[in-house]
N, C-alpha and C. Protein backbone atom coordinates (compact mmCIF):
# COMPACT_ATOMS: atom_id res chain seq x y z
N MET A 1 50.57 58.02 210.09
CA MET A 1 49.11 58.13 209.55
C MET A 1 49.76 56.80 208.50
N SER A 2 48.41 56.51 207.92
CA SER A 2 48.35 54.91 207.41
C SER A 2 48.35 55.71 205.76
N LYS A 3 48.97 55.25 204.75
CA LYS A 3 48.77 55.50 203.36
C LYS A 3 47.41 55.63 203.00
N ARG A 4 47.22 56.48 202.10
CA ARG A 4 45.74 56.49 201.45
C ARG A 4 45.84 55.58 199.98
N ILE A 5 45.45 54.68 199.42
CA ILE A 5 45.31 54.42 198.23
C ILE A 5 43.61 54.58 197.73
N ALA A 6 43.62 55.18 196.30
CA ALA A 6 42.85 55.15 195.80
C ALA A 6 42.60 54.39 195.15
N ILE A 7 41.01 53.53 195.06
CA ILE A 7 40.98 51.94 193.70
C ILE A 7 39.71 52.82 193.00
N VAL A 8 40.07 52.94 191.69
CA VAL A 8 38.93 53.53 190.69
C VAL A 8 38.69 52.09 189.63
N GLU A 9 37.52 51.51 189.90
CA GLU A 9 37.07 49.87 189.25
C GLU A 9 35.52 50.20 189.53
N ASP A 10 35.09 49.72 188.33
CA ASP A 10 33.74 49.52 188.08
C ASP A 10 32.93 48.38 188.71
N GLU A 11 33.23 47.43 188.37
CA GLU A 11 32.79 46.12 189.04
C GLU A 11 32.79 46.27 190.68
N ALA A 12 31.90 46.26 191.66
CA ALA A 12 31.68 46.36 192.69
C ALA A 12 32.83 44.89 193.84
N ALA A 13 32.39 44.01 192.95
CA ALA A 13 32.80 42.99 193.75
C ALA A 13 34.25 42.98 194.00
N ILE A 14 34.71 43.43 192.49
CA ILE A 14 36.53 43.05 192.44
C ILE A 14 36.92 44.36 193.64
N ARG A 15 36.19 45.48 193.24
CA ARG A 15 36.75 46.93 194.25
C ARG A 15 36.88 46.48 195.61
N GLU A 16 35.59 45.96 195.93
CA GLU A 16 35.89 45.65 197.85
C GLU A 16 36.49 44.56 197.90
N ASN A 17 37.39 43.39 196.53
CA ASN A 17 37.97 42.68 197.42
C ASN A 17 39.32 43.13 197.43
N TYR A 18 39.93 44.02 196.79
CA TYR A 18 40.79 44.75 196.62
C TYR A 18 41.32 45.58 197.94
N ALA A 19 39.47 46.44 198.35
CA ALA A 19 40.11 47.12 198.92
C ALA A 19 40.24 46.18 200.23
N ALA A 20 39.37 45.17 200.77
CA ALA A 20 39.55 44.63 201.57
C ALA A 20 41.14 44.07 201.96
N GLY A 21 41.76 43.61 201.13
CA GLY A 21 43.29 43.25 200.95
C GLY A 21 44.10 44.31 201.59
N PHE A 22 43.83 45.65 201.25
CA PHE A 22 44.32 46.74 201.19
C PHE A 22 44.56 47.20 202.64
N ARG A 23 43.03 47.41 202.98
CA ARG A 23 42.78 47.33 204.76
C ARG A 23 43.59 46.08 205.44
N ARG A 24 43.80 45.18 204.99
CA ARG A 24 44.47 44.17 206.12
C ARG A 24 45.69 44.86 205.94
N GLU A 25 46.17 45.40 205.05
CA GLU A 25 47.75 45.53 205.12
C GLU A 25 47.73 46.90 206.03
N GLY A 26 47.06 47.63 206.37
CA GLY A 26 46.74 48.87 206.92
C GLY A 26 46.98 50.29 206.14
N TYR A 27 46.31 50.10 204.93
CA TYR A 27 46.01 51.31 204.23
C TYR A 27 44.74 51.78 204.42
N THR A 28 44.64 52.92 204.47
CA THR A 28 43.18 53.61 204.45
C THR A 28 42.72 53.78 202.63
N VAL A 29 41.34 53.09 202.22
CA VAL A 29 41.13 53.20 200.77
C VAL A 29 39.94 53.94 200.56
N ASP A 30 40.12 54.35 199.37
CA ASP A 30 38.71 55.37 199.05
C ASP A 30 38.84 54.56 197.71
N LEU A 31 37.24 54.47 197.47
CA LEU A 31 36.55 53.80 196.47
C LEU A 31 35.93 54.62 195.35
N PHE A 32 35.95 54.29 193.85
CA PHE A 32 35.05 54.77 193.03
C PHE A 32 34.82 53.76 191.59
N ALA A 33 33.46 54.08 191.20
CA ALA A 33 33.36 53.27 190.49
C ALA A 33 33.29 54.09 188.91
N ALA A 34 33.45 55.18 189.10
CA ALA A 34 33.84 55.95 187.62
C ALA A 34 34.86 56.99 187.77
N ARG A 35 34.98 57.17 186.31
CA ARG A 35 36.22 58.63 186.06
C ARG A 35 35.85 60.15 187.10
N GLN A 36 34.55 60.29 186.65
CA GLN A 36 34.31 61.70 187.03
C GLN A 36 34.29 62.05 188.59
N PRO A 37 33.63 61.12 189.17
CA PRO A 37 33.78 61.74 191.05
C PRO A 37 34.90 60.81 191.56
N ALA A 38 35.88 60.44 190.68
CA ALA A 38 37.19 60.06 191.14
C ALA A 38 38.09 61.06 190.83
N LEU A 39 37.83 61.79 189.59
CA LEU A 39 38.47 63.12 189.58
C LEU A 39 38.55 64.52 190.49
N GLN A 40 36.97 64.91 190.89
CA GLN A 40 36.61 65.28 191.81
C GLN A 40 37.06 65.03 192.91
N ALA A 41 37.37 63.98 193.76
CA ALA A 41 37.72 63.70 194.79
C ALA A 41 39.64 64.20 195.16
N PHE A 42 39.76 63.52 193.64
CA PHE A 42 41.49 63.73 193.45
C PHE A 42 41.92 65.45 193.20
N GLU A 43 40.97 66.17 192.80
CA GLU A 43 41.42 67.75 192.39
C GLU A 43 41.13 68.29 194.21
N ALA A 44 40.27 67.67 194.84
CA ALA A 44 40.15 68.31 196.29
C ALA A 44 41.80 67.91 196.96
N ARG A 45 42.02 66.66 196.77
CA ARG A 45 42.59 65.71 197.61
C ARG A 45 43.37 64.82 196.97
N LEU A 46 44.87 64.82 196.50
CA LEU A 46 45.22 63.42 196.34
C LEU A 46 45.53 62.36 197.10
N PRO A 47 45.84 60.99 196.32
CA PRO A 47 45.68 59.61 197.72
C PRO A 47 47.30 59.76 197.71
N ASP A 48 47.57 58.77 198.35
CA ASP A 48 49.15 58.20 198.15
C ASP A 48 49.57 57.23 196.78
N LEU A 49 48.42 56.97 196.64
CA LEU A 49 48.42 55.97 195.18
C LEU A 49 47.28 55.70 194.91
N VAL A 50 47.25 55.31 193.42
CA VAL A 50 45.76 55.40 192.75
C VAL A 50 45.89 53.70 191.75
N VAL A 51 44.85 53.41 191.80
CA VAL A 51 44.95 51.68 191.18
C VAL A 51 43.89 52.12 190.37
N ILE A 52 44.18 52.24 189.18
CA ILE A 52 42.78 52.30 188.04
C ILE A 52 42.57 51.26 186.98
N ASP A 53 41.30 50.48 186.73
CA ASP A 53 41.07 49.77 185.48
C ASP A 53 41.07 50.79 184.31
N ILE A 54 40.71 50.34 183.15
CA ILE A 54 40.95 50.92 182.26
C ILE A 54 39.26 51.24 181.82
N ASN A 55 38.66 49.78 181.40
CA ASN A 55 37.46 50.30 181.27
C ASN A 55 36.29 50.69 182.49
N LEU A 56 35.48 51.96 182.84
CA LEU A 56 35.14 52.31 183.41
C LEU A 56 33.37 52.30 183.26
N GLN A 57 32.80 51.68 183.63
CA GLN A 57 31.36 51.47 183.10
C GLN A 57 31.04 51.68 181.40
N ASP A 58 30.64 52.78 181.17
CA ASP A 58 30.63 52.91 179.47
C ASP A 58 31.66 53.56 179.25
N ASP A 59 32.37 53.97 180.00
CA ASP A 59 33.62 55.21 179.68
C ASP A 59 35.17 53.92 179.49
N VAL A 60 34.79 53.30 178.32
CA VAL A 60 35.81 52.58 177.83
C VAL A 60 37.24 53.05 177.76
N GLU A 61 37.29 54.33 177.66
CA GLU A 61 39.19 54.52 177.76
C GLU A 61 39.16 55.83 179.08
N GLY A 62 38.15 55.21 180.17
CA GLY A 62 38.13 56.02 181.17
C GLY A 62 39.80 56.09 182.05
N GLY A 63 40.03 54.90 182.26
CA GLY A 63 41.20 54.77 183.10
C GLY A 63 42.66 55.56 182.84
N PHE A 64 42.66 55.25 181.26
CA PHE A 64 43.39 56.09 180.10
C PHE A 64 43.16 57.75 180.59
N GLU A 65 42.40 58.05 180.39
CA GLU A 65 42.10 59.67 180.85
C GLU A 65 42.55 59.97 181.94
N LEU A 66 41.68 59.18 182.91
CA LEU A 66 42.43 59.61 184.45
C LEU A 66 43.94 59.47 184.56
N CYS A 67 44.59 58.89 184.24
CA CYS A 67 46.27 58.55 184.27
C CYS A 67 46.44 60.01 183.69
N ARG A 68 45.85 60.33 182.26
CA ARG A 68 46.50 61.52 181.44
C ARG A 68 46.23 62.90 183.07
N ARG A 69 45.04 62.75 183.17
CA ARG A 69 45.10 64.35 184.11
C ARG A 69 45.56 64.09 185.00
N LEU A 70 45.49 62.85 185.88
CA LEU A 70 46.61 62.69 187.61
C LEU A 70 48.07 63.07 186.97
N ARG A 71 48.50 62.53 186.18
CA ARG A 71 49.70 62.70 185.45
C ARG A 71 50.09 64.80 185.39
N GLN A 72 48.95 65.07 184.76
CA GLN A 72 49.09 66.67 184.96
C GLN A 72 49.25 67.11 186.19
N MET A 73 48.07 66.50 186.83
CA MET A 73 48.71 67.14 188.56
C MET A 73 49.62 66.72 189.75
N SER A 74 50.54 65.54 188.80
CA SER A 74 51.85 65.38 190.14
C SER A 74 52.35 64.29 188.86
N ASP A 75 53.92 64.95 189.12
CA ASP A 75 54.92 63.96 188.01
C ASP A 75 54.85 62.73 189.38
N ASP A 76 54.84 63.12 190.66
CA ASP A 76 55.60 61.66 191.17
C ASP A 76 53.97 60.88 191.86
N LEU A 77 52.91 61.08 191.68
CA LEU A 77 52.22 60.25 192.17
C LEU A 77 51.97 58.66 191.94
N PRO A 78 52.21 58.09 192.55
CA PRO A 78 52.49 56.44 192.18
C PRO A 78 50.97 56.40 191.29
N ILE A 79 51.18 55.71 190.40
CA ILE A 79 49.47 55.02 189.45
C ILE A 79 49.99 54.16 189.07
N ILE A 80 49.14 52.85 189.51
CA ILE A 80 48.91 51.25 188.79
C ILE A 80 47.36 51.18 188.24
N PHE A 81 48.30 50.84 186.70
CA PHE A 81 46.93 50.08 186.03
C PHE A 81 46.67 48.71 186.69
N LEU A 82 45.76 48.29 187.14
CA LEU A 82 45.25 46.94 187.40
C LEU A 82 43.82 46.66 186.44
N THR A 83 43.84 45.46 184.84
CA THR A 83 42.84 46.16 184.52
C THR A 83 42.88 43.97 183.76
N ALA A 84 41.56 43.90 183.06
CA ALA A 84 42.06 43.02 182.59
C ALA A 84 42.44 42.85 181.11
N ARG A 85 42.54 43.76 180.58
CA ARG A 85 42.92 44.02 179.43
C ARG A 85 44.25 43.76 179.20
N ASP A 86 45.02 42.76 178.36
CA ASP A 86 46.24 42.44 178.79
C ASP A 86 47.23 42.36 177.53
N SER A 87 46.39 43.06 176.48
CA SER A 87 47.06 43.30 175.10
C SER A 87 48.93 44.38 175.61
N GLU A 88 49.82 44.07 174.21
CA GLU A 88 50.67 44.99 174.67
C GLU A 88 50.30 46.38 173.93
N PHE A 89 49.52 47.02 173.32
CA PHE A 89 49.52 47.88 172.91
C PHE A 89 48.54 48.77 174.02
N ASP A 90 47.78 48.06 174.95
CA ASP A 90 47.39 48.77 176.46
C ASP A 90 48.33 48.91 177.15
N ALA A 91 48.94 47.79 177.30
CA ALA A 91 50.12 48.23 178.55
C ALA A 91 51.43 49.43 178.18
N VAL A 92 51.29 49.02 176.81
CA VAL A 92 52.43 50.21 176.03
C VAL A 92 51.49 51.48 176.38
N SER A 93 50.02 51.89 175.90
CA SER A 93 49.71 53.23 175.72
C SER A 93 49.58 53.56 177.81
N GLY A 94 48.96 52.88 178.33
CA GLY A 94 49.24 52.98 180.15
C GLY A 94 50.45 53.70 180.49
N LEU A 95 51.53 52.97 180.18
CA LEU A 95 52.88 53.65 180.76
C LEU A 95 53.76 54.53 179.75
N ARG A 96 52.95 54.73 178.73
CA ARG A 96 53.39 56.22 177.79
C ARG A 96 52.35 57.03 178.42
N LEU A 97 51.22 57.20 179.24
CA LEU A 97 50.23 58.21 179.94
C LEU A 97 51.13 58.63 180.92
N GLY A 98 52.27 57.59 181.47
CA GLY A 98 52.84 58.00 182.99
C GLY A 98 52.72 56.80 183.93
N ALA A 99 52.09 55.91 183.95
CA ALA A 99 51.63 55.10 184.93
C ALA A 99 53.11 54.48 185.20
N ASP A 100 53.56 54.21 186.62
CA ASP A 100 54.09 53.70 187.12
C ASP A 100 54.33 51.86 187.42
N ASP A 101 53.07 51.75 186.52
CA ASP A 101 53.21 50.10 186.78
C ASP A 101 51.68 49.25 185.99
N TYR A 102 52.03 48.75 185.00
CA TYR A 102 50.78 48.39 184.57
C TYR A 102 50.45 46.49 184.83
N LEU A 103 49.52 46.25 185.26
CA LEU A 103 49.28 44.87 185.87
C LEU A 103 47.74 44.43 185.25
N THR A 104 47.77 42.74 185.39
CA THR A 104 46.35 42.38 185.22
C THR A 104 45.97 41.42 186.22
N LYS A 105 44.51 41.27 185.82
CA LYS A 105 43.99 41.24 187.03
C LYS A 105 44.12 39.98 187.71
N ASP A 106 44.69 38.85 186.74
CA ASP A 106 45.49 37.46 186.96
C ASP A 106 46.34 37.89 188.08
N ILE A 107 46.88 38.54 188.65
CA ILE A 107 48.04 38.63 189.11
C ILE A 107 47.35 38.02 191.02
N SER A 108 48.33 37.97 191.79
CA SER A 108 47.47 37.28 193.01
C SER A 108 47.82 38.44 193.81
N LEU A 109 46.91 38.55 195.18
CA LEU A 109 46.75 39.45 195.88
C LEU A 109 48.17 39.98 196.69
N PRO A 110 48.72 38.75 197.19
CA PRO A 110 50.33 38.96 197.63
C PRO A 110 51.46 40.06 196.80
N HIS A 111 51.32 39.26 195.49
CA HIS A 111 52.43 39.94 194.28
C HIS A 111 51.51 41.37 194.55
N LEU A 112 50.39 41.80 193.88
CA LEU A 112 49.81 42.96 194.36
C LEU A 112 50.10 44.09 195.14
N MET A 113 50.17 43.30 196.75
CA MET A 113 50.98 44.17 197.79
C MET A 113 52.41 43.96 197.67
N ALA A 114 52.98 43.50 197.25
CA ALA A 114 54.32 43.61 197.05
C ALA A 114 55.10 44.67 196.22
N ARG A 115 53.95 44.85 194.89
CA ARG A 115 54.23 45.89 194.16
C ARG A 115 54.31 47.11 194.85
N ILE A 116 53.17 47.39 195.40
CA ILE A 116 52.58 48.70 196.10
C ILE A 116 53.26 49.00 197.23
N ALA A 117 54.07 48.02 197.82
CA ALA A 117 54.97 48.15 199.26
C ALA A 117 56.11 48.84 198.86
N ALA A 118 56.47 48.79 197.39
CA ALA A 118 57.74 48.97 196.69
C ALA A 118 57.02 49.88 196.30
N LEU A 119 56.64 50.49 195.52
CA LEU A 119 56.54 52.02 195.12
C LEU A 119 56.55 52.42 196.54
N PHE A 120 55.78 52.46 197.52
CA PHE A 120 55.78 53.36 198.89
C PHE A 120 57.33 53.59 199.14
N ARG A 121 57.74 52.46 199.17
CA ARG A 121 59.17 52.65 199.76
C ARG A 121 59.96 53.62 199.04
N ARG A 122 59.91 53.56 197.69
CA ARG A 122 60.07 54.64 196.68
C ARG A 122 59.63 56.10 197.18
N LEU A 123 58.24 55.94 197.21
CA LEU A 123 58.20 57.75 197.59
C LEU A 123 58.22 58.03 198.86
N ASP A 124 58.49 57.10 200.34
CA ASP A 124 58.80 57.46 201.33
C ASP A 124 60.56 57.99 201.18
N ALA A 125 61.36 57.52 200.09
CA ALA A 125 62.37 58.13 199.65
C ALA A 125 62.51 59.51 199.51
N MET A 126 61.63 59.89 198.85
CA MET A 126 61.42 61.31 198.61
C MET A 126 61.19 62.15 199.04
N GLN A 127 60.93 61.66 200.44
CA GLN A 127 60.67 62.74 201.63
C GLN A 127 61.66 62.62 202.81
N ARG A 128 62.63 61.98 202.29
CA ARG A 128 63.57 62.21 203.87
C ARG A 128 64.41 63.41 203.14
N PRO A 129 65.18 63.86 204.36
CA PRO A 129 65.71 65.13 203.99
C PRO A 129 67.14 64.68 203.19
N GLU A 130 67.22 65.81 202.67
CA GLU A 130 68.51 65.85 201.85
C GLU A 130 69.91 65.53 202.54
N SER A 131 70.54 64.83 202.04
CA SER A 131 71.57 64.40 202.88
C SER A 131 73.26 64.98 202.43
N GLY A 132 73.04 65.22 200.97
CA GLY A 132 74.02 65.44 200.24
C GLY A 132 74.95 64.68 199.88
N GLN A 133 74.73 63.56 200.32
CA GLN A 133 75.26 62.22 200.16
C GLN A 133 75.00 61.35 199.17
N SER A 134 73.86 61.78 198.73
CA SER A 134 72.98 61.13 198.04
C SER A 134 73.01 61.41 196.60
N LEU A 135 74.08 62.46 196.12
CA LEU A 135 73.57 63.22 195.03
C LEU A 135 74.54 62.19 193.99
N LEU A 136 73.56 61.91 192.97
CA LEU A 136 74.38 61.32 191.72
C LEU A 136 74.86 62.24 190.46
N ARG A 137 75.84 62.91 190.10
CA ARG A 137 76.06 64.03 189.14
C ARG A 137 77.21 63.38 188.04
N ARG A 138 76.85 63.24 186.51
CA ARG A 138 77.25 63.07 185.36
C ARG A 138 76.97 64.55 184.79
N GLY A 139 78.18 65.08 184.92
CA GLY A 139 78.11 66.10 183.59
C GLY A 139 77.05 67.14 184.08
N ASP A 140 75.79 67.15 183.36
CA ASP A 140 74.69 68.56 183.15
C ASP A 140 73.52 67.62 184.08
N LEU A 141 73.73 66.61 184.96
CA LEU A 141 72.75 65.77 185.15
C LEU A 141 72.84 65.53 186.69
N GLU A 142 71.67 65.88 187.38
CA GLU A 142 72.03 65.51 188.81
C GLU A 142 70.94 64.84 188.97
N LEU A 143 71.22 63.90 189.98
CA LEU A 143 69.75 62.77 190.48
C LEU A 143 69.75 62.72 192.20
N ASP A 144 68.95 62.79 193.00
CA ASP A 144 69.34 63.05 194.10
C ASP A 144 68.21 61.79 194.63
N LEU A 145 69.22 61.28 195.15
CA LEU A 145 68.70 59.56 195.53
C LEU A 145 67.60 59.37 196.83
N ASP A 146 67.48 60.72 197.40
CA ASP A 146 67.12 60.96 198.66
C ASP A 146 65.47 61.06 198.02
N ARG A 147 65.48 62.24 197.50
CA ARG A 147 64.18 63.01 197.11
C ARG A 147 63.63 62.46 196.06
N MET A 148 64.99 61.79 195.33
CA MET A 148 64.03 61.12 194.04
C MET A 148 63.64 61.75 192.88
N THR A 149 64.64 63.12 192.57
CA THR A 149 64.23 64.52 191.62
C THR A 149 65.75 64.13 190.74
N VAL A 150 65.37 64.86 189.63
CA VAL A 150 66.37 64.62 188.50
C VAL A 150 66.68 66.28 188.41
N ARG A 151 67.36 66.47 188.20
CA ARG A 151 67.55 67.84 187.80
C ARG A 151 68.64 67.78 185.99
N TRP A 152 68.39 68.70 185.24
CA TRP A 152 69.43 68.25 183.74
C TRP A 152 69.54 70.30 183.39
N HIS A 153 71.15 70.65 183.34
CA HIS A 153 70.77 71.79 183.45
C HIS A 153 70.56 72.61 184.19
N ASP A 154 70.22 72.63 185.42
CA ASP A 154 69.90 72.87 186.54
C ASP A 154 68.33 73.28 186.62
N GLN A 155 67.66 72.29 185.47
CA GLN A 155 66.24 72.31 185.43
C GLN A 155 65.83 71.03 185.60
N PRO A 156 64.51 70.93 186.48
CA PRO A 156 63.85 69.61 187.20
C PRO A 156 63.51 69.02 185.70
N VAL A 157 63.33 67.73 185.81
CA VAL A 157 63.26 66.84 184.93
C VAL A 157 62.10 66.22 185.58
N GLY A 158 60.59 65.79 185.39
CA GLY A 158 59.48 65.35 186.04
C GLY A 158 59.34 64.02 185.50
N LEU A 159 60.33 62.55 185.88
CA LEU A 159 60.43 61.37 185.81
C LEU A 159 59.37 61.20 187.02
N THR A 160 58.61 59.90 186.11
CA THR A 160 58.07 58.86 187.28
C THR A 160 59.17 58.06 188.12
N LEU A 161 58.59 57.29 188.84
CA LEU A 161 59.63 56.22 189.53
C LEU A 161 60.15 55.73 189.07
N THR A 162 59.40 54.69 188.13
CA THR A 162 59.89 53.91 186.82
C THR A 162 61.14 54.24 186.16
N GLU A 163 60.53 55.55 185.81
CA GLU A 163 61.91 55.93 184.56
C GLU A 163 63.15 56.42 185.76
N PHE A 164 63.09 57.03 186.53
CA PHE A 164 63.99 57.77 187.68
C PHE A 164 65.23 56.57 187.53
N TRP A 165 64.39 55.19 188.26
CA TRP A 165 65.61 54.17 188.57
C TRP A 165 66.15 53.55 187.19
N MET A 166 65.16 53.71 186.35
CA MET A 166 66.05 53.45 184.48
C MET A 166 67.01 54.52 184.35
N VAL A 167 67.08 55.34 184.64
CA VAL A 167 67.90 56.48 184.48
C VAL A 167 68.93 56.56 185.44
N HIS A 168 68.57 56.18 186.75
CA HIS A 168 70.00 56.03 187.38
C HIS A 168 70.86 55.19 187.04
N ALA A 169 70.04 53.59 186.62
CA ALA A 169 71.07 52.52 186.19
C ALA A 169 71.71 53.05 185.13
N LEU A 170 71.37 53.78 184.57
CA LEU A 170 71.85 54.06 183.16
C LEU A 170 73.27 55.00 183.58
N ALA A 171 72.86 55.82 184.40
CA ALA A 171 74.00 57.11 184.52
C ALA A 171 74.75 56.71 185.46
N ARG A 172 74.64 55.54 186.19
CA ARG A 172 75.60 55.43 187.43
C ARG A 172 77.07 55.18 187.11
N TYR A 173 77.04 54.00 185.89
CA TYR A 173 78.10 53.89 184.81
C TYR A 173 78.19 54.26 183.53
N PRO A 174 78.54 55.52 183.31
CA PRO A 174 78.53 56.03 181.88
C PRO A 174 79.32 55.41 180.77
N GLY A 175 78.41 55.24 179.74
CA GLY A 175 79.40 54.25 178.94
C GLY A 175 78.84 52.74 178.83
N HIS A 176 78.80 52.30 179.98
CA HIS A 176 78.14 50.86 180.11
C HIS A 176 76.70 50.53 179.44
N VAL A 177 76.50 49.41 179.00
CA VAL A 177 75.40 49.31 178.36
C VAL A 177 74.50 48.33 179.23
N LYS A 178 73.32 48.75 179.26
CA LYS A 178 72.66 48.06 180.25
C LYS A 178 71.12 47.76 179.16
N ASN A 179 71.04 46.30 179.45
CA ASN A 179 70.17 45.68 178.46
C ASN A 179 69.26 45.80 179.37
N ARG A 180 67.81 45.25 178.39
CA ARG A 180 66.46 45.69 178.79
C ARG A 180 66.00 45.06 180.27
N GLN A 181 66.76 43.63 180.79
CA GLN A 181 66.55 42.98 181.79
C GLN A 181 67.20 43.69 182.99
N GLN A 182 68.36 44.51 182.81
CA GLN A 182 68.46 45.00 184.12
C GLN A 182 68.30 46.31 184.22
N LEU A 183 67.29 46.93 183.08
CA LEU A 183 66.80 48.20 183.53
C LEU A 183 64.95 47.61 184.21
N MET A 184 64.93 46.52 183.77
CA MET A 184 63.54 45.94 184.27
C MET A 184 63.78 46.07 185.81
N ASP A 185 65.05 45.34 186.22
CA ASP A 185 65.87 44.87 187.41
C ASP A 185 65.64 46.31 187.92
N ALA A 186 66.34 47.28 187.87
CA ALA A 186 66.39 48.66 188.76
C ALA A 186 65.42 49.02 188.92
N ALA A 187 63.84 49.13 187.75
CA ALA A 187 62.62 50.09 187.84
C ALA A 187 62.03 48.79 189.18
N GLN A 188 62.39 47.63 188.96
CA GLN A 188 61.73 46.54 190.17
C GLN A 188 60.52 46.35 189.61
N ALA A 189 60.39 46.00 188.45
CA ALA A 189 59.41 45.96 187.59
C ALA A 189 59.18 44.72 186.59
N VAL A 190 57.98 43.99 186.38
CA VAL A 190 58.39 43.01 185.18
C VAL A 190 57.72 44.05 183.92
N LEU A 191 58.69 44.29 182.75
CA LEU A 191 57.98 44.78 181.85
C LEU A 191 58.59 44.08 180.60
N ASP A 192 57.97 44.40 179.34
CA ASP A 192 58.32 43.34 178.31
C ASP A 192 59.18 44.30 177.29
N ASP A 193 59.97 44.05 176.70
CA ASP A 193 60.72 44.59 175.60
C ASP A 193 60.06 45.75 175.25
N ASN A 194 59.18 45.47 174.47
CA ASN A 194 58.81 47.12 173.76
C ASN A 194 58.41 48.06 174.95
N THR A 195 57.82 47.45 175.99
CA THR A 195 57.49 48.89 177.29
C THR A 195 58.79 49.53 177.78
N ILE A 196 60.07 48.45 177.84
CA ILE A 196 61.17 49.06 178.05
C ILE A 196 61.43 50.36 177.16
N THR A 197 61.45 49.84 175.66
CA THR A 197 61.47 50.84 174.82
C THR A 197 60.63 52.34 174.79
N SER A 198 59.32 51.72 174.94
CA SER A 198 58.61 52.97 175.34
C SER A 198 58.91 53.85 176.67
N HIS A 199 59.23 53.02 177.67
CA HIS A 199 59.67 53.78 178.95
C HIS A 199 61.31 54.97 178.32
N ILE A 200 62.20 54.61 177.69
CA ILE A 200 62.88 55.23 177.09
C ILE A 200 62.89 56.04 176.36
N LYS A 201 61.63 55.93 175.38
CA LYS A 201 60.99 57.19 174.51
C LYS A 201 60.31 58.04 175.26
N ARG A 202 59.86 57.97 176.16
CA ARG A 202 59.55 59.04 177.45
C ARG A 202 60.32 59.44 177.91
N ILE A 203 61.41 59.04 178.47
CA ILE A 203 62.31 59.63 178.95
C ILE A 203 62.89 60.39 177.96
N ARG A 204 63.03 60.12 176.90
CA ARG A 204 64.10 60.99 176.18
C ARG A 204 63.29 62.44 175.82
N ARG A 205 61.84 62.19 175.81
CA ARG A 205 61.33 63.10 175.45
C ARG A 205 61.26 64.20 176.35
N LYS A 206 61.24 63.91 177.88
CA LYS A 206 60.92 64.62 178.85
C LYS A 206 62.63 65.57 178.95
N PHE A 207 63.68 64.78 178.65
CA PHE A 207 64.82 65.73 179.08
C PHE A 207 64.86 66.87 177.50
N VAL A 208 64.23 66.01 176.53
CA VAL A 208 64.61 67.10 175.36
C VAL A 208 63.54 68.18 175.64
N ALA A 209 62.85 68.11 176.35
CA ALA A 209 61.61 69.10 176.86
C ALA A 209 62.37 70.18 177.51
N VAL A 210 63.43 69.73 178.28
CA VAL A 210 64.04 70.79 179.05
C VAL A 210 65.22 71.55 178.08
N ASP A 211 66.21 70.32 177.61
CA ASP A 211 67.16 70.82 176.50
C ASP A 211 67.00 70.02 175.26
N PRO A 212 66.83 70.56 173.81
CA PRO A 212 65.91 70.68 172.81
C PRO A 212 67.06 69.31 172.45
N GLY A 213 68.90 70.08 172.44
CA GLY A 213 69.98 68.97 172.17
C GLY A 213 70.35 67.68 172.69
N PHE A 214 69.40 67.50 173.88
CA PHE A 214 69.79 66.04 174.72
C PHE A 214 70.13 64.78 173.92
N ASP A 215 71.30 64.23 174.03
CA ASP A 215 71.25 63.24 173.59
C ASP A 215 72.29 62.35 174.43
N ALA A 216 72.10 62.30 175.53
CA ALA A 216 72.99 61.52 176.46
C ALA A 216 72.64 60.05 176.93
N ILE A 217 71.63 59.31 176.22
CA ILE A 217 71.10 58.28 176.35
C ILE A 217 71.35 57.61 174.58
N GLU A 218 71.87 56.62 174.39
CA GLU A 218 72.71 55.74 173.36
C GLU A 218 71.62 54.53 172.95
N THR A 219 70.91 54.16 171.87
CA THR A 219 70.67 53.08 171.66
C THR A 219 71.68 52.03 171.56
N ALA A 220 72.22 51.24 172.09
CA ALA A 220 72.81 50.34 171.67
C ALA A 220 72.41 49.04 171.08
N TYR A 221 71.98 48.98 169.45
CA TYR A 221 71.12 47.66 168.98
C TYR A 221 71.50 46.58 169.39
N GLY A 222 70.36 45.95 169.28
CA GLY A 222 70.63 44.45 169.66
C GLY A 222 70.96 44.26 171.30
N MET A 223 71.37 45.30 172.03
CA MET A 223 71.81 45.13 173.07
C MET A 223 71.39 45.83 174.56
N GLY A 224 70.92 46.96 174.05
CA GLY A 224 70.43 47.92 175.24
C GLY A 224 70.36 49.44 174.97
N TYR A 225 70.98 49.99 176.49
CA TYR A 225 71.23 51.45 176.07
C TYR A 225 72.32 51.68 176.89
N ARG A 226 73.49 53.17 176.44
CA ARG A 226 73.92 53.43 177.34
C ARG A 226 73.58 54.97 177.92
N TRP A 227 74.32 55.31 179.08
CA TRP A 227 74.16 56.92 179.19
C TRP A 227 76.08 57.44 178.83
N LEU A 228 75.44 58.49 177.79
CA LEU A 228 77.25 59.23 177.52
C LEU A 228 76.61 60.51 178.34
N GLY A 229 78.32 60.19 178.65
CA GLY A 229 78.30 61.80 179.67
C GLY A 229 79.66 61.45 180.59
N SER A 230 79.84 62.82 181.24
CA SER A 230 81.12 62.52 182.14
C SER A 230 80.77 62.08 183.13
N GLN A 231 81.77 61.59 183.71
CA GLN A 231 82.06 60.37 184.82
C GLN A 231 81.71 61.16 186.21
């Protein structure tokens, strides 16, 4: 069965252009011009990936609100912002809301397809049976690379796919500093420094929600971040 992608974009020509490209790649596509009809459809059935613009008709922050609601509905649904708004503030806001990627509309269609294919590869990995050989344990941390799940003190931590790979990059070699470029490479994403910082803050908040005493991610000022914990 083909993957189902939902596009939430208010400009019909742009919406149809992306849809045609996705269909050529074999995806099934659902199209929405506004937040409310999209949300109603998602409450009945979540797609496999959502591409969202921020400005949706008169709903200037509609994409942000939709992302917030989707993340409440699912921790691991891949969400991509695809928008003309290229400010750092908007990008950081989108990622803080839990989007896996923030892209601007000047991205080429082949590049967009490659990013989406990469997200789906990660999603497929989550659905493989647990092998028992793909667990990474570092003290109270457990990362399941097949299912792409995270547990801390035996409690699940709901990370996005981008956040998962950042934690994996840090925890794989405790005590080693990972700079921002290394974290970006691990996440297979092109992100600026401030966006990496926002991701780390969000990751910390998610662990703290499970364990208020969580302090396993240390900032190495001017260099990057390191994981503190058992080998």
